Amino acid sequence: MAKSGYKRTLLKLSGGALVGDGRFGIDAATLSLVAKQIEAAHETSKEMAIVVGAGNILRGTDASQGGAGMDRATADYAGMLATIINALTLQDALERLGLSVRTQSAINVQQVAEPYIRRRAIRHLEKGRVVIFAAGTGNPYMTTDTAAALRAIEIEAQVLLMAKNRVDGVYEADPNKEPGARRFEMLSYIDALNRRLDVMDSTALTMCMESNLPIIVFDVSGPESIVRAVRGEKVGTLVSNTRTVLAGDQAPPS
């Protein structure tokens, strides 16, 4: 990474990052703050793509749970449609700030979004447009984390930014249940997989490891957190092909 920051990035924005203090839907004030952060980050990362989740509207796994739940594949397709709602809402917020935005969908909704075409997405990025990838991978049983890892690898992003809602990194245990749990400053792919840490689903994490794609996990509500991550400043937890270091510990010599 150059000292000036990452040039081509993929931001994974969870649906929960748009919900604000509520439990459901999209909070207008929170959306505006996130959009302004993306606008500022785009000044550093001129080639910026985004994958949006839909946990603020519908999670396929939640909708399919229980004996009376939806069929899992149907629930996942419904979740994909929910990501399109979030993508279009974010697109509008970014365009009102003056950014040029294109939304590409993995399922066909040509009235509102382009189909996902890798070479077209890269061309948009090269022209300085923000590209929002919606509808996950277009396949059921695949999370938007997997979609984020896949799209980041496809567009040859330098880093995958995992923006969480009120989660400022990866911890050795759930800090809500174990107040003494410490945050990792750096975390290796292997340790994250072996310890089953809540970074992203194992399929996505394995894809990043095989492609040596670094991941930064951080709290989107932190002050200028997206901007700081794009600039390469220390924020949240860096997951990569590196040594594992807990916050407050001194990194061992190479």
C-alpha atoms as a PDB file:
ATOM      1  CA  MET A   1       0.000   0.000   0.000  1.00  0.00           C
ATOM      2  CA  ALA A   2       1.238   3.473  -0.854  1.00  0.00           C
ATOM      3  CA  LYS A   3       1.562   5.961   1.985  1.00  0.00           C
ATOM      4  CA  SER A   4      -1.203   7.998   0.390  1.00  0.00           C
ATOM      5  CA  GLY A   5      -3.682   5.154   1.015  1.00  0.00           C
ATOM      6  CA  TYR A   6      -5.484   2.509  -0.968  1.00  0.00           C
ATOM      7  CA  LYS A   7      -6.424   3.423  -4.545  1.00  0.00           C
ATOM      8  CA  ARG A   8      -8.989   0.676  -5.279  1.00  0.00           C
ATOM      9  CA  THR A   9     -11.111  -0.505  -2.368  1.00  0.00           C
ATOM     10  CA  LEU A  10     -14.219  -2.528  -1.714  1.00  0.00           C
ATOM     11  CA  LEU A  11     -16.371  -1.474   1.227  1.00  0.00           C
ATOM     12  CA  LYS A  12     -18.714  -4.089   2.707  1.00  0.00           C
ATOM     13  CA  LEU A  13     -21.495  -2.132   4.373  1.00  0.00           C
ATOM     14  CA  SER A  14     -23.766  -4.172   6.613  1.00  0.00           C
ATOM     15  CA  GLY A  15     -27.484  -3.448   6.597  1.00  0.00           C
ATOM     16  CA  GLY A  16     -27.179  -2.754  10.315  1.00  0.00           C
ATOM     17  CA  ALA A  17     -24.867   0.166   9.518  1.00  0.00           C
ATOM     18  CA  LEU A  18     -27.858   1.999   8.030  1.00  0.00           C
ATOM     19  CA  VAL A  19     -30.354   1.384  10.822  1.00  0.00           C
ATOM     20  CA  GLY A  20     -29.035   3.914  13.343  1.00  0.00           C
ATOM     21  CA  ASP A  21     -30.452   3.533  16.837  1.00  0.00           C
ATOM     22  CA  GLY A  22     -33.463   1.601  15.585  1.00  0.00           C
ATOM     23  CA  ARG A  23     -33.852  -2.096  14.947  1.00  0.00           C
ATOM     24  CA  PHE A  24     -35.284  -2.096  11.447  1.00  0.00           C
ATOM     25  CA  GLY A  25     -35.234  -0.128   8.217  1.00  0.00           C
ATOM     26  CA  ILE A  26     -33.075   2.816   7.147  1.00  0.00           C
ATOM     27  CA  ASP A  27     -32.416   5.835   9.353  1.00  0.00           C
ATOM     28  CA  ALA A  28     -32.130   8.963   7.205  1.00  0.00           C
ATOM     29  CA  ALA A  29     -29.616  10.702   9.476  1.00  0.00           C
ATOM     30  CA  THR A  30     -27.390   7.615   9.660  1.00  0.00           C
ATOM     31  CA  LEU A  31     -27.578   7.148   5.886  1.00  0.00           C
ATOM     32  CA  SER A  32     -26.518  10.763   5.399  1.00  0.00           C
ATOM     33  CA  LEU A  33     -23.518  10.357   7.730  1.00  0.00           C
ATOM     34  CA  VAL A  34     -22.400   7.152   5.992  1.00  0.00           C
ATOM     35  CA  ALA A  35     -22.769   8.789   2.568  1.00  0.00           C
ATOM     36  CA  LYS A  36     -20.674  11.776   3.658  1.00  0.00           C
ATOM     37  CA  GLN A  37     -17.963   9.418   4.943  1.00  0.00           C
ATOM     38  CA  ILE A  38     -17.943   7.606   1.604  1.00  0.00           C
ATOM     39  CA  GLU A  39     -17.732  10.944  -0.224  1.00  0.00           C
ATOM     40  CA  ALA A  40     -14.687  11.921   1.856  1.00  0.00           C
ATOM     41  CA  ALA A  41     -13.103   8.469   1.457  1.00  0.00           C
ATOM     42  CA  HIS A  42     -13.566   8.675  -2.300  1.00  0.00           C
ATOM     43  CA  GLU A  43     -11.154  11.599  -2.378  1.00  0.00           C
ATOM     44  CA  THR A  44      -8.419   9.133  -1.376  1.00  0.00           C
ATOM     45  CA  SER A  45      -9.723   5.937  -2.951  1.00  0.00           C
ATOM     46  CA  LYS A  46     -10.663   7.150  -6.407  1.00  0.00           C
ATOM     47  CA  GLU A  47     -11.798   3.648  -7.355  1.00  0.00           C
ATOM     48  CA  MET A  48     -14.330   2.624  -4.716  1.00  0.00           C
ATOM     49  CA  ALA A  49     -16.851  -0.211  -4.824  1.00  0.00           C
ATOM     50  CA  ILE A  50     -19.463  -1.127  -2.211  1.00  0.00           C
ATOM     51  CA  VAL A  51     -21.338  -4.305  -1.332  1.00  0.00           C
ATOM     52  CA  VAL A  52     -24.421  -3.777   0.815  1.00  0.00           C
ATOM     53  CA  GLY A  53     -26.061  -6.239   3.168  1.00  0.00           C
ATOM     54  CA  ALA A  54     -29.727  -6.373   4.152  1.00  0.00           C
ATOM     55  CA  GLY A  55     -29.841  -7.261   7.839  1.00  0.00           C
ATOM     56  CA  ASN A  56     -31.837  -4.084   8.480  1.00  0.00           C
ATOM     57  CA  ILE A  57     -34.654  -5.437   6.301  1.00  0.00           C
ATOM     58  CA  LEU A  58     -34.435  -9.240   6.013  1.00  0.00           C
ATOM     59  CA  ARG A  59     -31.903 -11.969   6.677  1.00  0.00           C
ATOM     60  CA  GLY A  60     -32.491 -15.134   4.693  1.00  0.00           C
ATOM     61  CA  THR A  61     -31.195 -17.377   7.476  1.00  0.00           C
ATOM     62  CA  ASP A  62     -33.479 -15.727  10.057  1.00  0.00           C
ATOM     63  CA  ALA A  63     -36.546 -15.864   7.797  1.00  0.00           C
ATOM     64  CA  SER A  64     -36.026 -19.581   7.158  1.00  0.00           C
ATOM     65  CA  GLN A  65     -35.602 -20.624  10.800  1.00  0.00           C
ATOM     66  CA  GLY A  66     -38.249 -22.621  12.607  1.00  0.00           C
ATOM     67  CA  GLY A  67     -40.834 -25.089  11.370  1.00  0.00           C
ATOM     68  CA  ALA A  68     -43.063 -22.340   9.964  1.00  0.00           C
ATOM     69  CA  GLY A  69     -40.168 -20.455   8.377  1.00  0.00           C
ATOM     70  CA  MET A  70     -39.701 -19.703   4.696  1.00  0.00           C
ATOM     71  CA  ASP A  71     -37.980 -22.082   2.341  1.00  0.00           C
ATOM     72  CA  ARG A  72     -34.267 -21.213   2.679  1.00  0.00           C
ATOM     73  CA  ALA A  73     -33.662 -20.536  -1.017  1.00  0.00           C
ATOM     74  CA  THR A  74     -36.798 -18.365  -1.223  1.00  0.00           C
ATOM     75  CA  ALA A  75     -35.747 -16.479   1.904  1.00  0.00           C
ATOM     76  CA  ASP A  76     -32.286 -15.871   0.458  1.00  0.00           C
ATOM     77  CA  TYR A  77     -33.741 -14.503  -2.789  1.00  0.00           C
ATOM     78  CA  ALA A  78     -35.960 -12.199  -0.735  1.00  0.00           C
ATOM     79  CA  GLY A  79     -32.826 -11.045   1.094  1.00  0.00           C
ATOM     80  CA  MET A  80     -31.163 -10.306  -2.244  1.00  0.00           C
ATOM     81  CA  LEU A  81     -34.072  -8.044  -3.154  1.00  0.00           C
ATOM     82  CA  ALA A  82     -33.645  -6.294   0.187  1.00  0.00           C
ATOM     83  CA  THR A  83     -30.008  -5.524  -0.668  1.00  0.00           C
ATOM     84  CA  ILE A  84     -31.240  -3.837  -3.854  1.00  0.00           C
ATOM     85  CA  ILE A  85     -33.444  -1.549  -1.744  1.00  0.00           C
ATOM     86  CA  ASN A  86     -30.414  -0.596   0.359  1.00  0.00           C
ATOM     87  CA  ALA A  87     -28.235  -0.158  -2.740  1.00  0.00           C
ATOM     88  CA  LEU A  88     -30.680   2.197  -4.459  1.00  0.00           C
ATOM     89  CA  THR A  89     -31.139   4.194  -1.268  1.00  0.00           C
ATOM     90  CA  LEU A  90     -27.380   4.547  -0.852  1.00  0.00           C
ATOM     91  CA  GLN A  91     -26.977   5.398  -4.527  1.00  0.00           C
ATOM     92  CA  ASP A  92     -29.453   8.253  -4.169  1.00  0.00           C
ATOM     93  CA  ALA A  93     -27.716   9.584  -1.041  1.00  0.00           C
ATOM     94  CA  LEU A  94     -24.320   9.554  -2.786  1.00  0.00           C
ATOM     95  CA  GLU A  95     -25.656  11.173  -5.951  1.00  0.00           C
ATOM     96  CA  ARG A  96     -27.166  13.999  -3.902  1.00  0.00           C
ATOM     97  CA  LEU A  97     -23.608  14.683  -2.705  1.00  0.00           C
ATOM     98  CA  GLY A  98     -22.437  14.960  -6.303  1.00  0.00           C
ATOM     99  CA  LEU A  99     -20.827  11.541  -6.763  1.00  0.00           C
ATOM    100  CA  SER A 100     -21.286   9.554  -9.953  1.00  0.00           C
ATOM    101  CA  VAL A 101     -22.702   6.140  -8.961  1.00  0.00           C
ATOM    102  CA  ARG A 102     -23.627   2.932 -10.740  1.00  0.00           C
ATOM    103  CA  THR A 103     -25.521   0.055  -9.134  1.00  0.00           C
ATOM    104  CA  GLN A 104     -24.950  -3.422 -10.523  1.00  0.00           C
ATOM    105  CA  SER A 105     -27.157  -6.334  -9.510  1.00  0.00           C
ATOM    106  CA  ALA A 106     -26.368 -10.047  -9.556  1.00  0.00           C
ATOM    107  CA  ILE A 107     -30.031 -10.738 -10.399  1.00  0.00           C
ATOM    108  CA  ASN A 108     -31.845  -9.156 -13.314  1.00  0.00           C
ATOM    109  CA  VAL A 109     -33.649  -5.924 -12.346  1.00  0.00           C
ATOM    110  CA  GLN A 110     -32.831  -3.921 -15.456  1.00  0.00           C
ATOM    111  CA  GLN A 111     -35.377  -1.195 -14.719  1.00  0.00           C
ATOM    112  CA  VAL A 112     -33.377  -0.015 -11.695  1.00  0.00           C
ATOM    113  CA  ALA A 113     -29.843  -1.418 -11.959  1.00  0.00           C
ATOM    114  CA  GLU A 114     -27.262  -2.646 -14.435  1.00  0.00           C
ATOM    115  CA  PRO A 115     -26.497  -6.367 -14.572  1.00  0.00           C
ATOM    116  CA  TYR A 116     -23.219  -7.295 -12.917  1.00  0.00           C
ATOM    117  CA  ILE A 117     -20.509  -7.374 -15.574  1.00  0.00           C
ATOM    118  CA  ARG A 118     -16.953  -7.463 -14.247  1.00  0.00           C
ATOM    119  CA  ARG A 119     -15.280  -5.555 -17.083  1.00  0.00           C
ATOM    120  CA  ARG A 120     -17.976  -2.870 -17.023  1.00  0.00           C
ATOM    121  CA  ALA A 121     -17.595  -2.505 -13.245  1.00  0.00           C
ATOM    122  CA  ILE A 122     -13.837  -2.043 -13.586  1.00  0.00           C
ATOM    123  CA  ARG A 123     -14.368   0.542 -16.328  1.00  0.00           C
ATOM    124  CA  HIS A 124     -16.748   2.487 -14.081  1.00  0.00           C
ATOM    125  CA  LEU A 125     -14.120   2.451 -11.328  1.00  0.00           C
ATOM    126  CA  GLU A 126     -11.407   3.650 -13.699  1.00  0.00           C
ATOM    127  CA  LYS A 127     -13.653   6.596 -14.580  1.00  0.00           C
ATOM    128  CA  GLY A 128     -13.975   7.522 -10.901  1.00  0.00           C
ATOM    129  CA  ARG A 129     -17.522   6.264 -10.422  1.00  0.00           C
ATOM    130  CA  VAL A 130     -18.630   4.568  -7.214  1.00  0.00           C
ATOM    131  CA  VAL A 131     -19.968   1.093  -8.013  1.00  0.00           C
ATOM    132  CA  ILE A 132     -22.510  -0.541  -5.692  1.00  0.00           C
ATOM    133  CA  PHE A 133     -22.867  -4.310  -6.002  1.00  0.00           C
ATOM    134  CA  ALA A 134     -26.342  -5.524  -5.015  1.00  0.00           C
ATOM    135  CA  ALA A 135     -28.099  -8.906  -4.694  1.00  0.00           C
ATOM    136  CA  GLY A 136     -25.094 -10.699  -3.245  1.00  0.00           C
ATOM    137  CA  THR A 137     -23.676 -13.323  -5.594  1.00  0.00           C
ATOM    138  CA  GLY A 138     -27.110 -13.992  -7.083  1.00  0.00           C
ATOM    139  CA  ASN A 139     -27.146 -17.439  -5.465  1.00  0.00           C
ATOM    140  CA  PRO A 140     -28.967 -18.691  -2.359  1.00  0.00           C
ATOM    141  CA  TYR A 141     -26.965 -20.079   0.572  1.00  0.00           C
ATOM    142  CA  MET A 142     -24.275 -17.468  -0.071  1.00  0.00           C
ATOM    143  CA  THR A 143     -23.855 -14.510   2.281  1.00  0.00           C
ATOM    144  CA  THR A 144     -23.119 -10.929   1.332  1.00  0.00           C
ATOM    145  CA  ASP A 145     -19.728 -11.453   3.036  1.00  0.00           C
ATOM    146  CA  THR A 146     -18.976 -14.026   0.342  1.00  0.00           C
ATOM    147  CA  ALA A 147     -20.226 -11.579  -2.289  1.00  0.00           C
ATOM    148  CA  ALA A 148     -17.916  -8.889  -0.901  1.00  0.00           C
ATOM    149  CA  ALA A 149     -14.886 -11.190  -0.968  1.00  0.00           C
ATOM    150  CA  LEU A 150     -15.724 -12.410  -4.473  1.00  0.00           C
ATOM    151  CA  ARG A 151     -16.299  -8.949  -5.945  1.00  0.00           C
ATOM    152  CA  ALA A 152     -13.171  -7.557  -4.254  1.00  0.00           C
ATOM    153  CA  ILE A 153     -11.064 -10.304  -5.798  1.00  0.00           C
ATOM    154  CA  GLU A 154     -12.729  -9.912  -9.195  1.00  0.00           C
ATOM    155  CA  ILE A 155     -12.089  -6.171  -9.413  1.00  0.00           C
ATOM    156  CA  GLU A 156      -8.584  -6.609  -7.935  1.00  0.00           C
ATOM    157  CA  ALA A 157      -9.235  -4.378  -4.949  1.00  0.00           C
ATOM    158  CA  GLN A 158      -6.286  -3.678  -2.680  1.00  0.00           C
ATOM    159  CA  VAL A 159      -8.297  -4.110   0.508  1.00  0.00           C
ATOM    160  CA  LEU A 160     -11.700  -5.271   1.755  1.00  0.00           C
ATOM    161  CA  LEU A 161     -13.188  -2.876   4.312  1.00  0.00           C
ATOM    162  CA  MET A 162     -15.746  -4.550   6.605  1.00  0.00           C
ATOM    163  CA  ALA A 163     -17.858  -1.749   8.111  1.00  0.00           C
ATOM    164  CA  LYS A 164     -19.758  -3.052  11.135  1.00  0.00           C
ATOM    165  CA  ASN A 165     -22.467  -1.492  13.276  1.00  0.00           C
ATOM    166  CA  ARG A 166     -21.022  -0.679  16.720  1.00  0.00           C
ATOM    167  CA  VAL A 167     -18.330  -3.349  16.436  1.00  0.00           C
ATOM    168  CA  ASP A 168     -14.872  -1.774  16.414  1.00  0.00           C
ATOM    169  CA  GLY A 169     -12.907  -4.841  15.377  1.00  0.00           C
ATOM    170  CA  VAL A 170     -12.447  -8.540  16.058  1.00  0.00           C
ATOM    171  CA  TYR A 171     -12.295  -9.688  19.680  1.00  0.00           C
ATOM    172  CA  GLU A 172     -10.934 -12.862  21.260  1.00  0.00           C
ATOM    173  CA  ALA A 173     -14.421 -13.416  22.743  1.00  0.00           C
ATOM    174  CA  ASP A 174     -17.783 -11.657  22.704  1.00  0.00           C
ATOM    175  CA  PRO A 175     -17.101  -8.420  24.690  1.00  0.00           C
ATOM    176  CA  ASN A 176     -20.806  -8.193  25.580  1.00  0.00           C
ATOM    177  CA  LYS A 177     -20.541 -11.517  27.407  1.00  0.00           C
ATOM    178  CA  GLU A 178     -16.914 -11.249  28.537  1.00  0.00           C
ATOM    179  CA  PRO A 179     -16.097  -7.614  29.399  1.00  0.00           C
ATOM    180  CA  GLY A 180     -12.394  -8.421  29.676  1.00  0.00           C
ATOM    181  CA  ALA A 181     -12.114  -9.680  26.103  1.00  0.00           C
ATOM    182  CA  ARG A 182      -9.455  -7.864  24.108  1.00  0.00           C
ATOM    183  CA  ARG A 183      -9.544  -6.656  20.539  1.00  0.00           C
ATOM    184  CA  PHE A 184      -7.058  -7.907  17.975  1.00  0.00           C
ATOM    185  CA  GLU A 185      -4.981  -5.202  16.361  1.00  0.00           C
ATOM    186  CA  MET A 186      -3.702  -7.664  13.752  1.00  0.00           C
ATOM    187  CA  LEU A 187      -5.051 -11.126  13.069  1.00  0.00           C
ATOM    188  CA  SER A 188      -3.858 -13.848  10.723  1.00  0.00           C
ATOM    189  CA  TYR A 189      -6.278 -15.605   8.404  1.00  0.00           C
ATOM    190  CA  ILE A 190      -5.374 -18.978   9.897  1.00  0.00           C
ATOM    191  CA  ASP A 191      -5.983 -17.845  13.481  1.00  0.00           C
ATOM    192  CA  ALA A 192      -9.323 -16.328  12.495  1.00  0.00           C
ATOM    193  CA  LEU A 193     -10.383 -19.610  10.875  1.00  0.00           C
ATOM    194  CA  ASN A 194      -9.016 -21.924  13.558  1.00  0.00           C
ATOM    195  CA  ARG A 195     -10.522 -19.915  16.410  1.00  0.00           C
ATOM    196  CA  ARG A 196     -13.828 -19.451  14.558  1.00  0.00           C
ATOM    197  CA  LEU A 197     -13.733 -15.721  15.207  1.00  0.00           C
ATOM    198  CA  ASP A 198     -16.574 -13.520  14.010  1.00  0.00           C
ATOM    199  CA  VAL A 199     -14.795 -11.847  11.086  1.00  0.00           C
ATOM    200  CA  MET A 200     -16.973 -13.081   8.215  1.00  0.00           C
ATOM    201  CA  ASP A 201     -18.226 -16.455   7.101  1.00  0.00           C
ATOM    202  CA  SER A 202     -15.545 -19.090   6.558  1.00  0.00           C
ATOM    203  CA  THR A 203     -16.084 -19.286   2.782  1.00  0.00           C
ATOM    204  CA  ALA A 204     -15.420 -15.559   2.394  1.00  0.00           C
ATOM    205  CA  LEU A 205     -12.434 -15.629   4.747  1.00  0.00           C
ATOM    206  CA  THR A 206     -10.879 -18.572   2.915  1.00  0.00           C
ATOM    207  CA  MET A 207     -11.282 -16.756  -0.410  1.00  0.00           C
ATOM    208  CA  CYS A 208      -9.495 -13.703   0.989  1.00  0.00           C
ATOM    209  CA  MET A 209      -6.711 -15.871   2.413  1.00  0.00           C
ATOM    210  CA  GLU A 210      -6.159 -17.680  -0.900  1.00  0.00           C
ATOM    211  CA  SER A 211      -5.993 -14.347  -2.756  1.00  0.00           C
ATOM    212  CA  ASN A 212      -3.963 -12.631  -0.001  1.00  0.00           C
ATOM    213  CA  LEU A 213      -6.593  -9.884   0.205  1.00  0.00           C
ATOM    214  CA  PRO A 214      -6.277  -7.891   3.460  1.00  0.00           C
ATOM    215  CA  ILE A 215      -9.439  -7.213   5.471  1.00  0.00           C
ATOM    216  CA  ILE A 216     -10.021  -4.309   7.841  1.00  0.00           C
ATOM    217  CA  VAL A 217     -12.874  -4.789  10.329  1.00  0.00           C
ATOM    218  CA  PHE A 218     -14.038  -1.554  11.966  1.00  0.00           C
ATOM    219  CA  ASP A 219     -16.989   0.369  13.397  1.00  0.00           C
ATOM    220  CA  VAL A 220     -18.683   2.480  10.732  1.00  0.00           C
ATOM    221  CA  SER A 221     -20.020   4.857  13.390  1.00  0.00           C
ATOM    222  CA  GLY A 222     -16.513   5.795  14.542  1.00  0.00           C
ATOM    223  CA  PRO A 223     -15.275   9.310  13.676  1.00  0.00           C
ATOM    224  CA  GLU A 224     -14.229   9.297  10.002  1.00  0.00           C
ATOM    225  CA  SER A 225     -13.675   5.543  10.274  1.00  0.00           C
ATOM    226  CA  ILE A 226     -14.149   4.814   6.558  1.00  0.00           C
ATOM    227  CA  VAL A 227     -11.844   7.693   5.626  1.00  0.00           C
ATOM    228  CA  ARG A 228      -9.178   6.549   8.074  1.00  0.00           C
ATOM    229  CA  ALA A 229      -9.356   2.958   6.842  1.00  0.00           C
ATOM    230  CA  VAL A 230      -8.988   4.040   3.204  1.00  0.00           C
ATOM    231  CA  ARG A 231      -6.015   6.227   4.127  1.00  0.00           C
ATOM    232  CA  GLY A 232      -4.305   3.217   5.676  1.00  0.00           C
ATOM    233  CA  GLU A 233      -4.450   4.540   9.238  1.00  0.00           C
ATOM    234  CA  LYS A 234      -4.753   2.128  12.150  1.00  0.00           C
ATOM    235  CA  VAL A 235      -8.419   1.461  12.722  1.00  0.00           C
ATOM    236  CA  GLY A 236     -10.221  -1.660  13.930  1.00  0.00           C
ATOM    237  CA  THR A 237      -8.576  -5.021  13.189  1.00  0.00           C
ATOM    238  CA  LEU A 238      -6.378  -5.867  10.214  1.00  0.00           C
ATOM    239  CA  VAL A 239      -6.850  -9.466   9.063  1.00  0.00           C
ATOM    240  CA  SER A 240      -4.130 -10.552   6.679  1.00  0.00           C
ATOM    241  CA  ASN A 241      -1.189 -12.874   6.097  1.00  0.00           C
ATOM    242  CA  THR A 242       0.515 -11.528   9.196  1.00  0.00           C
ATOM    243  CA  ARG A 243       1.197 -12.262  12.847  1.00  0.00           C
ATOM    244  CA  THR A 244      -1.630 -12.072  15.358  1.00  0.00           C
ATOM    245  CA  VAL A 245      -1.320  -9.207  17.835  1.00  0.00           C
ATOM    246  CA  LEU A 246      -3.802  -8.179  20.531  1.00  0.00           C
ATOM    247  CA  ALA A 247      -4.338  -4.462  21.102  1.00  0.00           C
ATOM    248  CA  GLY A 248      -1.908  -3.223  23.723  1.00  0.00           C
ATOM    249  CA  ASP A 249       0.662  -5.921  22.984  1.00  0.00           C
ATOM    250  CA  GLN A 250       3.900  -5.207  21.184  1.00  0.00           C
ATOM    251  CA  ALA A 251       4.185  -6.862  17.788  1.00  0.00           C
ATOM    252  CA  PRO A 252       6.917  -9.546  17.798  1.00  0.00           C
ATOM    253  CA  PRO A 253       9.945  -8.875  15.592  1.00  0.00           C
ATOM    254  CA  SER A 254       9.840 -10.211  12.041  1.00  0.00           C
END
